[in-house]
Amino acid sequence: TISGYFVGWFRQAPGKEREFVAASQWNGNSPYYA
């Protein structure tokens, strides 16, 4: 189940490194954003 897992979103364009976009803590509180 996704419940209880810290999950992040990243993106990557050709020729570039993977870039942080957003993240959700395991309980869904206080999300993070680039």
Full PDB file with SEQRES, HELIX, SHEET, SSBOND, CRYST1, ORIGX, SCALE, CONECT and MASTER records, all heavy atoms in Angstrom:
SEQRES   1 A   34  THR ILE SER GLY TYR PHE VAL GLY TRP PHE ARG GLN ALA          
SEQRES   2 A   34  PRO GLY LYS GLU ARG GLU PHE VAL ALA ALA SER GLN TRP          
SEQRES   3 A   34  ASN GLY ASN SER PRO TYR TYR ALA                              
SHEET    1 AA1 3 VAL A   7  ARG A  11  0                                        
SHEET    2 AA1 3 GLU A  19  SER A  24 -1                                        
SHEET    3 AA1 3 TYR A  32  TYR A  33 -1                                        
CRYST1    1.000    1.000    1.000  90.00  90.00  90.00 P 1           1          
ORIGX1      1.000000  0.000000  0.000000        0.00000                         
ORIGX2      0.000000  1.000000  0.000000        0.00000                         
ORIGX3      0.000000  0.000000  1.000000        0.00000                         
SCALE1      1.000000  0.000000  0.000000        0.00000                         
SCALE2      0.000000  1.000000  0.000000        0.00000                         
SCALE3      0.000000  0.000000  1.000000        0.00000                         
ATOM      1  N   THR A   1       0.842  -1.186   0.000  1.00  0.00           N  
ATOM      2  CA  THR A   1       0.000   0.000   0.000  1.00  0.00           C  
ATOM      3  C   THR A   1       0.880   1.239   0.000  1.00  0.00           C  
ATOM      4  O   THR A   1       1.982   1.235   0.552  1.00  0.00           O  
ATOM      5  CB  THR A   1      -0.921   0.025   1.226  1.00  0.00           C  
ATOM      6  OG1 THR A   1      -0.126   0.047   2.423  1.00  0.00           O  
ATOM      7  CG2 THR A   1      -1.819  -1.201   1.262  1.00  0.00           C  
ATOM      8  N   ILE A   2       0.404   2.314  -0.640  1.00  0.00           N  
ATOM      9  CA  ILE A   2       1.163   3.550  -0.674  1.00  0.00           C  
ATOM     10  C   ILE A   2       1.113   4.249   0.679  1.00  0.00           C  
ATOM     11  O   ILE A   2       1.991   5.057   1.005  1.00  0.00           O  
ATOM     12  CB  ILE A   2       0.626   4.478  -1.790  1.00  0.00           C  
ATOM     13  CG1 ILE A   2       1.665   5.546  -2.145  1.00  0.00           C  
ATOM     14  CG2 ILE A   2      -0.691   5.115  -1.365  1.00  0.00           C  
ATOM     15  CD1 ILE A   2       2.870   4.990  -2.839  1.00  0.00           C  
ATOM     16  N   SER A   3       0.101   3.917   1.458  1.00  0.00           N  
ATOM     17  CA  SER A   3      -0.010   4.483   2.793  1.00  0.00           C  
ATOM     18  C   SER A   3       1.217   4.132   3.627  1.00  0.00           C  
ATOM     19  O   SER A   3       1.637   2.976   3.686  1.00  0.00           O  
ATOM     20  CB  SER A   3      -1.274   3.963   3.485  1.00  0.00           C  
ATOM     21  OG  SER A   3      -1.354   4.430   4.820  1.00  0.00           O  
ATOM     22  N   GLY A   4       1.804   5.143   4.261  1.00  0.00           N  
ATOM     23  CA  GLY A   4       2.962   4.915   5.093  1.00  0.00           C  
ATOM     24  C   GLY A   4       4.292   5.085   4.385  1.00  0.00           C  
ATOM     25  O   GLY A   4       5.339   4.913   5.011  1.00  0.00           O  
ATOM     26  N   TYR A   5       4.281   5.426   3.091  1.00  0.00           N  
ATOM     27  CA  TYR A   5       5.514   5.622   2.328  1.00  0.00           C  
ATOM     28  C   TYR A   5       5.722   7.077   1.948  1.00  0.00           C  
ATOM     29  O   TYR A   5       4.787   7.752   1.501  1.00  0.00           O  
ATOM     30  CB  TYR A   5       5.516   4.773   1.054  1.00  0.00           C  
ATOM     31  CG  TYR A   5       5.718   3.300   1.305  1.00  0.00           C  
ATOM     32  CD1 TYR A   5       4.630   2.441   1.380  1.00  0.00           C  
ATOM     33  CD2 TYR A   5       6.994   2.779   1.458  1.00  0.00           C  
ATOM     34  CE1 TYR A   5       4.814   1.088   1.616  1.00  0.00           C  
ATOM     35  CE2 TYR A   5       7.181   1.424   1.691  1.00  0.00           C  
ATOM     36  CZ  TYR A   5       6.088   0.587   1.767  1.00  0.00           C  
ATOM     37  OH  TYR A   5       6.281  -0.759   1.994  1.00  0.00           O  
ATOM     38  N   PHE A   6       6.929   7.548   2.116  1.00  0.00           N  
ATOM     39  CA  PHE A   6       7.343   8.859   1.654  1.00  0.00           C  
ATOM     40  C   PHE A   6       7.506   8.776   0.137  1.00  0.00           C  
ATOM     41  O   PHE A   6       8.231   7.910  -0.362  1.00  0.00           O  
ATOM     42  CB  PHE A   6       8.675   9.241   2.314  1.00  0.00           C  
ATOM     43  CG  PHE A   6       9.074  10.674   2.172  1.00  0.00           C  
ATOM     44  CD1 PHE A   6       9.064  11.526   3.271  1.00  0.00           C  
ATOM     45  CD2 PHE A   6       9.482  11.178   0.950  1.00  0.00           C  
ATOM     46  CE1 PHE A   6       9.451  12.844   3.146  1.00  0.00           C  
ATOM     47  CE2 PHE A   6       9.868  12.502   0.817  1.00  0.00           C  
ATOM     48  CZ  PHE A   6       9.848  13.334   1.929  1.00  0.00           C  
ATOM     49  N   VAL A   7       6.842   9.654  -0.601  1.00  0.00           N  
ATOM     50  CA  VAL A   7       6.861   9.599  -2.060  1.00  0.00           C  
ATOM     51  C   VAL A   7       7.260  10.947  -2.639  1.00  0.00           C  
ATOM     52  O   VAL A   7       6.748  11.987  -2.220  1.00  0.00           O  
ATOM     53  CB  VAL A   7       5.492   9.180  -2.624  1.00  0.00           C  
ATOM     54  CG1 VAL A   7       5.498   9.236  -4.148  1.00  0.00           C  
ATOM     55  CG2 VAL A   7       5.126   7.781  -2.148  1.00  0.00           C  
ATOM     56  N   GLY A   8       8.157  10.912  -3.600  1.00  0.00           N  
ATOM     57  CA  GLY A   8       8.594  12.126  -4.268  1.00  0.00           C  
ATOM     58  C   GLY A   8       8.346  12.062  -5.763  1.00  0.00           C  
ATOM     59  O   GLY A   8       8.272  10.977  -6.349  1.00  0.00           O  
ATOM     60  N   TRP A   9       8.204  13.232  -6.355  1.00  0.00           N  
ATOM     61  CA  TRP A   9       8.113  13.369  -7.813  1.00  0.00           C  
ATOM     62  C   TRP A   9       9.364  14.066  -8.320  1.00  0.00           C  
ATOM     63  O   TRP A   9       9.779  15.091  -7.758  1.00  0.00           O  
ATOM     64  CB  TRP A   9       6.888  14.179  -8.236  1.00  0.00           C  
ATOM     65  CG  TRP A   9       5.592  13.433  -8.214  1.00  0.00           C  
ATOM     66  CD1 TRP A   9       4.663  13.427  -7.230  1.00  0.00           C  
ATOM     67  CD2 TRP A   9       5.067  12.599  -9.256  1.00  0.00           C  
ATOM     68  NE1 TRP A   9       3.585  12.643  -7.577  1.00  0.00           N  
ATOM     69  CE2 TRP A   9       3.810  12.116  -8.814  1.00  0.00           C  
ATOM     70  CE3 TRP A   9       5.538  12.206 -10.513  1.00  0.00           C  
ATOM     71  CZ2 TRP A   9       3.022  11.268  -9.595  1.00  0.00           C  
ATOM     72  CZ3 TRP A   9       4.752  11.353 -11.279  1.00  0.00           C  
ATOM     73  CH2 TRP A   9       3.518  10.896 -10.819  1.00  0.00           C  
ATOM     74  N   PHE A  10       9.957  13.518  -9.366  1.00  0.00           N  
ATOM     75  CA  PHE A  10      11.117  14.092 -10.025  1.00  0.00           C  
ATOM     76  C   PHE A  10      10.844  14.164 -11.513  1.00  0.00           C  
ATOM     77  O   PHE A  10       9.952  13.479 -12.022  1.00  0.00           O  
ATOM     78  CB  PHE A  10      12.375  13.250  -9.769  1.00  0.00           C  
ATOM     79  CG  PHE A  10      12.908  13.335  -8.372  1.00  0.00           C  
ATOM     80  CD1 PHE A  10      12.286  12.663  -7.332  1.00  0.00           C  
ATOM     81  CD2 PHE A  10      14.036  14.087  -8.087  1.00  0.00           C  
ATOM     82  CE1 PHE A  10      12.772  12.738  -6.042  1.00  0.00           C  
ATOM     83  CE2 PHE A  10      14.539  14.172  -6.799  1.00  0.00           C  
ATOM     84  CZ  PHE A  10      13.910  13.503  -5.776  1.00  0.00           C  
ATOM     85  N   ARG A  11      11.620  14.977 -12.208  1.00  0.00           N  
ATOM     86  CA  ARG A  11      11.488  15.049 -13.655  1.00  0.00           C  
ATOM     87  C   ARG A  11      12.868  15.130 -14.281  1.00  0.00           C  
ATOM     88  O   ARG A  11      13.824  15.595 -13.666  1.00  0.00           O  
ATOM     89  CB  ARG A  11      10.636  16.247 -14.081  1.00  0.00           C  
ATOM     90  CG  ARG A  11      11.211  17.609 -13.722  1.00  0.00           C  
ATOM     91  CD  ARG A  11      10.196  18.699 -14.011  1.00  0.00           C  
ATOM     92  NE  ARG A  11      10.706  20.031 -13.730  1.00  0.00           N  
ATOM     93  CZ  ARG A  11       9.973  21.135 -13.781  1.00  0.00           C  
ATOM     94  NH1 ARG A  11       8.686  21.069 -14.109  1.00  0.00           N  
ATOM     95  NH2 ARG A  11      10.532  22.309 -13.503  1.00  0.00           N  
ATOM     96  N   GLN A  12      12.963  14.667 -15.511  1.00  0.00           N  
ATOM     97  CA  GLN A  12      14.235  14.664 -16.207  1.00  0.00           C  
ATOM     98  C   GLN A  12      14.025  14.953 -17.685  1.00  0.00           C  
ATOM     99  O   GLN A  12      13.287  14.247 -18.364  1.00  0.00           O  
ATOM    100  CB  GLN A  12      14.947  13.324 -16.031  1.00  0.00           C  
ATOM    101  CG  GLN A  12      16.360  13.294 -16.579  1.00  0.00           C  
ATOM    102  CD  GLN A  12      17.137  12.076 -16.109  1.00  0.00           C  
ATOM    103  OE1 GLN A  12      16.556  11.042 -15.787  1.00  0.00           O  
ATOM    104  NE2 GLN A  12      18.452  12.195 -16.061  1.00  0.00           N  
ATOM    105  N   ALA A  13      14.677  16.006 -18.152  1.00  0.00           N  
ATOM    106  CA  ALA A  13      14.665  16.362 -19.558  1.00  0.00           C  
ATOM    107  C   ALA A  13      15.933  15.818 -20.205  1.00  0.00           C  
ATOM    108  O   ALA A  13      16.935  15.587 -19.525  1.00  0.00           O  
ATOM    109  CB  ALA A  13      14.589  17.881 -19.720  1.00  0.00           C  
ATOM    110  N   PRO A  14      15.925  15.603 -21.520  1.00  0.00           N  
ATOM    111  CA  PRO A  14      17.108  15.074 -22.198  1.00  0.00           C  
ATOM    112  C   PRO A  14      18.350  15.916 -21.933  1.00  0.00           C  
ATOM    113  O   PRO A  14      18.316  17.138 -22.031  1.00  0.00           O  
ATOM    114  CB  PRO A  14      16.712  15.130 -23.675  1.00  0.00           C  
ATOM    115  CG  PRO A  14      15.221  14.992 -23.651  1.00  0.00           C  
ATOM    116  CD  PRO A  14      14.793  15.775 -22.442  1.00  0.00           C  
ATOM    117  N   GLY A  15      19.442  15.250 -21.568  1.00  0.00           N  
ATOM    118  CA  GLY A  15      20.694  15.940 -21.316  1.00  0.00           C  
ATOM    119  C   GLY A  15      20.800  16.606 -19.963  1.00  0.00           C  
ATOM    120  O   GLY A  15      21.812  17.249 -19.675  1.00  0.00           O  
ATOM    121  N   LYS A  16      19.785  16.467 -19.119  1.00  0.00           N  
ATOM    122  CA  LYS A  16      19.798  17.093 -17.808  1.00  0.00           C  
ATOM    123  C   LYS A  16      19.667  16.047 -16.711  1.00  0.00           C  
ATOM    124  O   LYS A  16      19.199  14.935 -16.945  1.00  0.00           O  
ATOM    125  CB  LYS A  16      18.667  18.115 -17.680  1.00  0.00           C  
ATOM    126  CG  LYS A  16      18.774  19.292 -18.631  1.00  0.00           C  
ATOM    127  CD  LYS A  16      17.680  20.306 -18.368  1.00  0.00           C  
ATOM    128  CE  LYS A  16      17.807  21.510 -19.278  1.00  0.00           C  
ATOM    129  NZ  LYS A  16      16.737  22.515 -19.014  1.00  0.00           N  
ATOM    130  N   GLU A  17      20.084  16.432 -15.515  1.00  0.00           N  
ATOM    131  CA  GLU A  17      19.971  15.545 -14.374  1.00  0.00           C  
ATOM    132  C   GLU A  17      18.535  15.509 -13.881  1.00  0.00           C  
ATOM    133  O   GLU A  17      17.742  16.411 -14.148  1.00  0.00           O  
ATOM    134  CB  GLU A  17      20.896  15.987 -13.245  1.00  0.00           C  
ATOM    135  CG  GLU A  17      22.370  15.839 -13.549  1.00  0.00           C  
ATOM    136  CD  GLU A  17      23.239  16.115 -12.336  1.00  0.00           C  
ATOM    137  OE1 GLU A  17      22.756  16.784 -11.399  1.00  0.00           O  
ATOM    138  OE2 GLU A  17      24.386  15.655 -12.320  1.00  0.00           O  
ATOM    139  N   ARG A  18      18.225  14.452 -13.153  1.00  0.00           N  
ATOM    140  CA  ARG A  18      16.906  14.327 -12.572  1.00  0.00           C  
ATOM    141  C   ARG A  18      16.693  15.445 -11.550  1.00  0.00           C  
ATOM    142  O   ARG A  18      17.527  15.672 -10.675  1.00  0.00           O  
ATOM    143  CB  ARG A  18      16.757  12.950 -11.925  1.00  0.00           C  
ATOM    144  CG  ARG A  18      15.322  12.512 -11.718  1.00  0.00           C  
ATOM    145  CD  ARG A  18      15.231  10.988 -11.606  1.00  0.00           C  
ATOM    146  NE  ARG A  18      15.570  10.335 -12.864  1.00  0.00           N  
ATOM    147  CZ  ARG A  18      15.413   9.036 -13.089  1.00  0.00           C  
ATOM    148  NH1 ARG A  18      14.934   8.243 -12.150  1.00  0.00           N  
ATOM    149  NH2 ARG A  18      15.755   8.528 -14.261  1.00  0.00           N  
ATOM    150  N   GLU A  19      15.562  16.125 -11.659  1.00  0.00           N  
ATOM    151  CA  GLU A  19      15.271  17.311 -10.869  1.00  0.00           C  
ATOM    152  C   GLU A  19      14.098  17.081  -9.929  1.00  0.00           C  
ATOM    153  O   GLU A  19      13.054  16.559 -10.328  1.00  0.00           O  
ATOM    154  CB  GLU A  19      14.974  18.480 -11.811  1.00  0.00           C  
ATOM    155  CG  GLU A  19      14.525  19.761 -11.137  1.00  0.00           C  
ATOM    156  CD  GLU A  19      14.044  20.795 -12.133  1.00  0.00           C  
ATOM    157  OE1 GLU A  19      13.561  20.401 -13.221  1.00  0.00           O  
ATOM    158  OE2 GLU A  19      14.160  22.000 -11.841  1.00  0.00           O  
ATOM    159  N   PHE A  20      14.258  17.513  -8.689  1.00  0.00           N  
ATOM    160  CA  PHE A  20      13.191  17.392  -7.706  1.00  0.00           C  
ATOM    161  C   PHE A  20      12.015  18.288  -8.069  1.00  0.00           C  
ATOM    162  O   PHE A  20      12.193  19.432  -8.486  1.00  0.00           O  
ATOM    163  CB  PHE A  20      13.704  17.763  -6.316  1.00  0.00           C  
ATOM    164  CG  PHE A  20      12.618  17.867  -5.283  1.00  0.00           C  
ATOM    165  CD1 PHE A  20      12.011  16.734  -4.781  1.00  0.00           C  
ATOM    166  CD2 PHE A  20      12.213  19.102  -4.817  1.00  0.00           C  
ATOM    167  CE1 PHE A  20      11.006  16.823  -3.826  1.00  0.00           C  
ATOM    168  CE2 PHE A  20      11.215  19.211  -3.862  1.00  0.00           C  
ATOM    169  CZ  PHE A  20      10.610  18.063  -3.373  1.00  0.00           C  
ATOM    170  N   VAL A  21      10.806  17.770  -7.894  1.00  0.00           N  
ATOM    171  CA  VAL A  21       9.594  18.526  -8.182  1.00  0.00           C  
ATOM    172  C   VAL A  21       8.753  18.715  -6.921  1.00  0.00           C  
ATOM    173  O   VAL A  21       8.429  19.842  -6.542  1.00  0.00           O  
ATOM    174  CB  VAL A  21       8.738  17.834  -9.262  1.00  0.00           C  
ATOM    175  CG1 VAL A  21       7.431  18.595  -9.483  1.00  0.00           C  
ATOM    176  CG2 VAL A  21       9.520  17.725 -10.563  1.00  0.00           C  
ATOM    177  N   ALA A  22       8.382  17.624  -6.276  1.00  0.00           N  
ATOM    178  CA  ALA A  22       7.528  17.683  -5.094  1.00  0.00           C  
ATOM    179  C   ALA A  22       7.658  16.392  -4.312  1.00  0.00           C  
ATOM    180  O   ALA A  22       8.088  15.365  -4.846  1.00  0.00           O  
ATOM    181  CB  ALA A  22       6.066  17.924  -5.488  1.00  0.00           C  
ATOM    182  N   ALA A  23       7.274  16.428  -3.048  1.00  0.00           N  
ATOM    183  CA  ALA A  23       7.331  15.225  -2.225  1.00  0.00           C  
ATOM    184  C   ALA A  23       6.224  15.242  -1.189  1.00  0.00           C  
ATOM    185  O   ALA A  23       5.825  16.307  -0.704  1.00  0.00           O  
ATOM    186  CB  ALA A  23       8.686  15.092  -1.537  1.00  0.00           C  
ATOM    187  N   SER A  24       5.749  14.060  -0.860  1.00  0.00           N  
ATOM    188  CA  SER A  24       4.706  13.877   0.135  1.00  0.00           C  
ATOM    189  C   SER A  24       5.229  12.991   1.255  1.00  0.00           C  
ATOM    190  O   SER A  24       5.709  11.890   1.002  1.00  0.00           O  
ATOM    191  CB  SER A  24       3.467  13.241  -0.506  1.00  0.00           C  
ATOM    192  OG  SER A  24       2.496  12.907   0.473  1.00  0.00           O  
ATOM    193  N   GLN A  25       5.132  13.470   2.483  1.00  0.00           N  
ATOM    194  CA  GLN A  25       5.526  12.660   3.622  1.00  0.00           C  
ATOM    195  C   GLN A  25       4.604  11.460   3.755  1.00  0.00           C  
ATOM    196  O   GLN A  25       3.496  11.442   3.201  1.00  0.00           O  
ATOM    197  CB  GLN A  25       5.508  13.497   4.898  1.00  0.00           C  
ATOM    198  CG  GLN A  25       6.512  14.631   4.900  1.00  0.00           C  
ATOM    199  CD  GLN A  25       6.653  15.262   6.266  1.00  0.00           C  
ATOM    200  OE1 GLN A  25       7.179  14.639   7.195  1.00  0.00           O  
ATOM    201  NE2 GLN A  25       6.186  16.497   6.403  1.00  0.00           N  
ATOM    202  N   TRP A  26       5.045  10.475   4.501  1.00  0.00           N  
ATOM    203  CA  TRP A  26       4.284   9.232   4.580  1.00  0.00           C  
ATOM    204  C   TRP A  26       2.870   9.429   5.101  1.00  0.00           C  
ATOM    205  O   TRP A  26       1.964   8.661   4.745  1.00  0.00           O  
ATOM    206  CB  TRP A  26       5.030   8.200   5.440  1.00  0.00           C  
ATOM    207  CG  TRP A  26       5.113   8.541   6.905  1.00  0.00           C  
ATOM    208  CD1 TRP A  26       6.133   9.191   7.545  1.00  0.00           C  
ATOM    209  CD2 TRP A  26       4.151   8.230   7.908  1.00  0.00           C  
ATOM    210  NE1 TRP A  26       5.853   9.302   8.884  1.00  0.00           N  
ATOM    211  CE2 TRP A  26       4.642   8.714   9.134  1.00  0.00           C  
ATOM    212  CE3 TRP A  26       2.915   7.579   7.894  1.00  0.00           C  
ATOM    213  CZ2 TRP A  26       3.940   8.578  10.332  1.00  0.00           C  
ATOM    214  CZ3 TRP A  26       2.211   7.434   9.088  1.00  0.00           C  
ATOM    215  CH2 TRP A  26       2.730   7.936  10.289  1.00  0.00           C  
ATOM    216  N   ASN A  27       2.655  10.461   5.922  1.00  0.00           N  
ATOM    217  CA  ASN A  27       1.327  10.728   6.452  1.00  0.00           C  
ATOM    218  C   ASN A  27       0.585  11.804   5.664  1.00  0.00           C  
ATOM    219  O   ASN A  27      -0.528  12.180   6.029  1.00  0.00           O  
ATOM    220  CB  ASN A  27       1.401  11.111   7.926  1.00  0.00           C  
ATOM    221  CG  ASN A  27       2.290  12.310   8.184  1.00  0.00           C  
ATOM    222  OD1 ASN A  27       2.700  13.004   7.250  1.00  0.00           O  
ATOM    223  ND2 ASN A  27       2.593  12.571   9.439  1.00  0.00           N  
ATOM    224  N   GLY A  28       1.199  12.312   4.597  1.00  0.00           N  
ATOM    225  CA  GLY A  28       0.573  13.307   3.755  1.00  0.00           C  
ATOM    226  C   GLY A  28       0.671  14.734   4.250  1.00  0.00           C  
ATOM    227  O   GLY A  28       0.200  15.656   3.572  1.00  0.00           O  
ATOM    228  N   ASN A  29       1.282  14.939   5.381  1.00  0.00           N  
ATOM    229  CA  ASN A  29       1.387  16.270   5.958  1.00  0.00           C  
ATOM    230  C   ASN A  29       2.570  17.049   5.390  1.00  0.00           C  
ATOM    231  O   ASN A  29       3.577  16.469   4.988  1.00  0.00           O  
ATOM    232  CB  ASN A  29       1.531  16.189   7.474  1.00  0.00           C  
ATOM    233  CG  ASN A  29       0.308  15.616   8.155  1.00  0.00           C  
ATOM    234  OD1 ASN A  29      -0.804  15.698   7.635  1.00  0.00           O  
ATOM    235  ND2 ASN A  29       0.505  15.015   9.319  1.00  0.00           N  
ATOM    236  N   SER A  30       2.429  18.370   5.376  1.00  0.00           N  
ATOM    237  CA  SER A  30       3.506  19.291   5.012  1.00  0.00           C  
ATOM    238  C   SER A  30       4.264  18.870   3.754  1.00  0.00           C  
ATOM    239  O   SER A  30       5.444  18.510   3.819  1.00  0.00           O  
ATOM    240  CB  SER A  30       4.486  19.433   6.179  1.00  0.00           C  
ATOM    241  OG  SER A  30       3.835  19.888   7.342  1.00  0.00           O  
ATOM    242  N   PRO A  31       3.619  18.898   2.601  1.00  0.00           N  
ATOM    243  CA  PRO A  31       4.317  18.537   1.360  1.00  0.00           C  
ATOM    244  C   PRO A  31       5.417  19.530   1.008  1.00  0.00           C  
ATOM    245  O   PRO A  31       5.391  20.691   1.436  1.00  0.00           O  
ATOM    246  CB  PRO A  31       3.200  18.547   0.316  1.00  0.00           C  
ATOM    247  CG  PRO A  31       2.186  19.506   0.862  1.00  0.00           C  
ATOM    248  CD  PRO A  31       2.214  19.289   2.344  1.00  0.00           C  
ATOM    249  N   TYR A  32       6.368  19.067   0.208  1.00  0.00           N  
ATOM    250  CA  TYR A  32       7.484  19.894  -0.221  1.00  0.00           C  
ATOM    251  C   TYR A  32       7.393  20.165  -1.717  1.00  0.00           C  
ATOM    252  O   TYR A  32       6.939  19.314  -2.487  1.00  0.00           O  
ATOM    253  CB  TYR A  32       8.811  19.188   0.069  1.00  0.00           C  
ATOM    254  CG  TYR A  32       9.016  18.797   1.515  1.00  0.00           C  
ATOM    255  CD1 TYR A  32       8.740  17.502   1.941  1.00  0.00           C  
ATOM    256  CD2 TYR A  32       9.487  19.717   2.441  1.00  0.00           C  
ATOM    257  CE1 TYR A  32       8.928  17.136   3.268  1.00  0.00           C  
ATOM    258  CE2 TYR A  32       9.675  19.355   3.766  1.00  0.00           C  
ATOM    259  CZ  TYR A  32       9.396  18.069   4.174  1.00  0.00           C  
ATOM    260  OH  TYR A  32       9.581  17.704   5.487  1.00  0.00           O  
ATOM    261  N   TYR A  33       7.866  21.350  -2.135  1.00  0.00           N  
ATOM    262  CA  TYR A  33       7.836  21.717  -3.544  1.00  0.00           C  
ATOM    263  C   TYR A  33       9.116  22.431  -3.940  1.00  0.00           C  
ATOM    264  O   TYR A  33       9.689  23.196  -3.159  1.00  0.00           O  
ATOM    265  CB  TYR A  33       6.662  22.643  -3.854  1.00  0.00           C  
ATOM    266  CG  TYR A  33       5.311  22.038  -3.596  1.00  0.00           C  
ATOM    267  CD1 TYR A  33       4.622  22.296  -2.419  1.00  0.00           C  
ATOM    268  CD2 TYR A  33       4.719  21.199  -4.539  1.00  0.00           C  
ATOM    269  CE1 TYR A  33       3.376  21.730  -2.187  1.00  0.00           C  
ATOM    270  CE2 TYR A  33       3.481  20.634  -4.311  1.00  0.00           C  
ATOM    271  CZ  TYR A  33       2.809  20.901  -3.132  1.00  0.00           C  
ATOM    272  OH  TYR A  33       1.581  20.339  -2.902  1.00  0.00           O  
ATOM    273  N   ALA A  34       9.545  22.183  -5.164  1.00  0.00           N  
ATOM    274  CA  ALA A  34      10.642  22.955  -5.724  1.00  0.00           C  
ATOM    275  C   ALA A  34      10.151  24.371  -5.981  1.00  0.00           C  
ATOM    276  O   ALA A  34       8.970  24.587  -6.283  1.00  0.00           O  
ATOM    277  CB  ALA A  34      11.130  22.320  -7.019  1.00  0.00           C  
TER     278      ALA A  34                                                      
MASTER        0    0    0    0    3    0    0    6  277    1    0    3          
END                                                                             
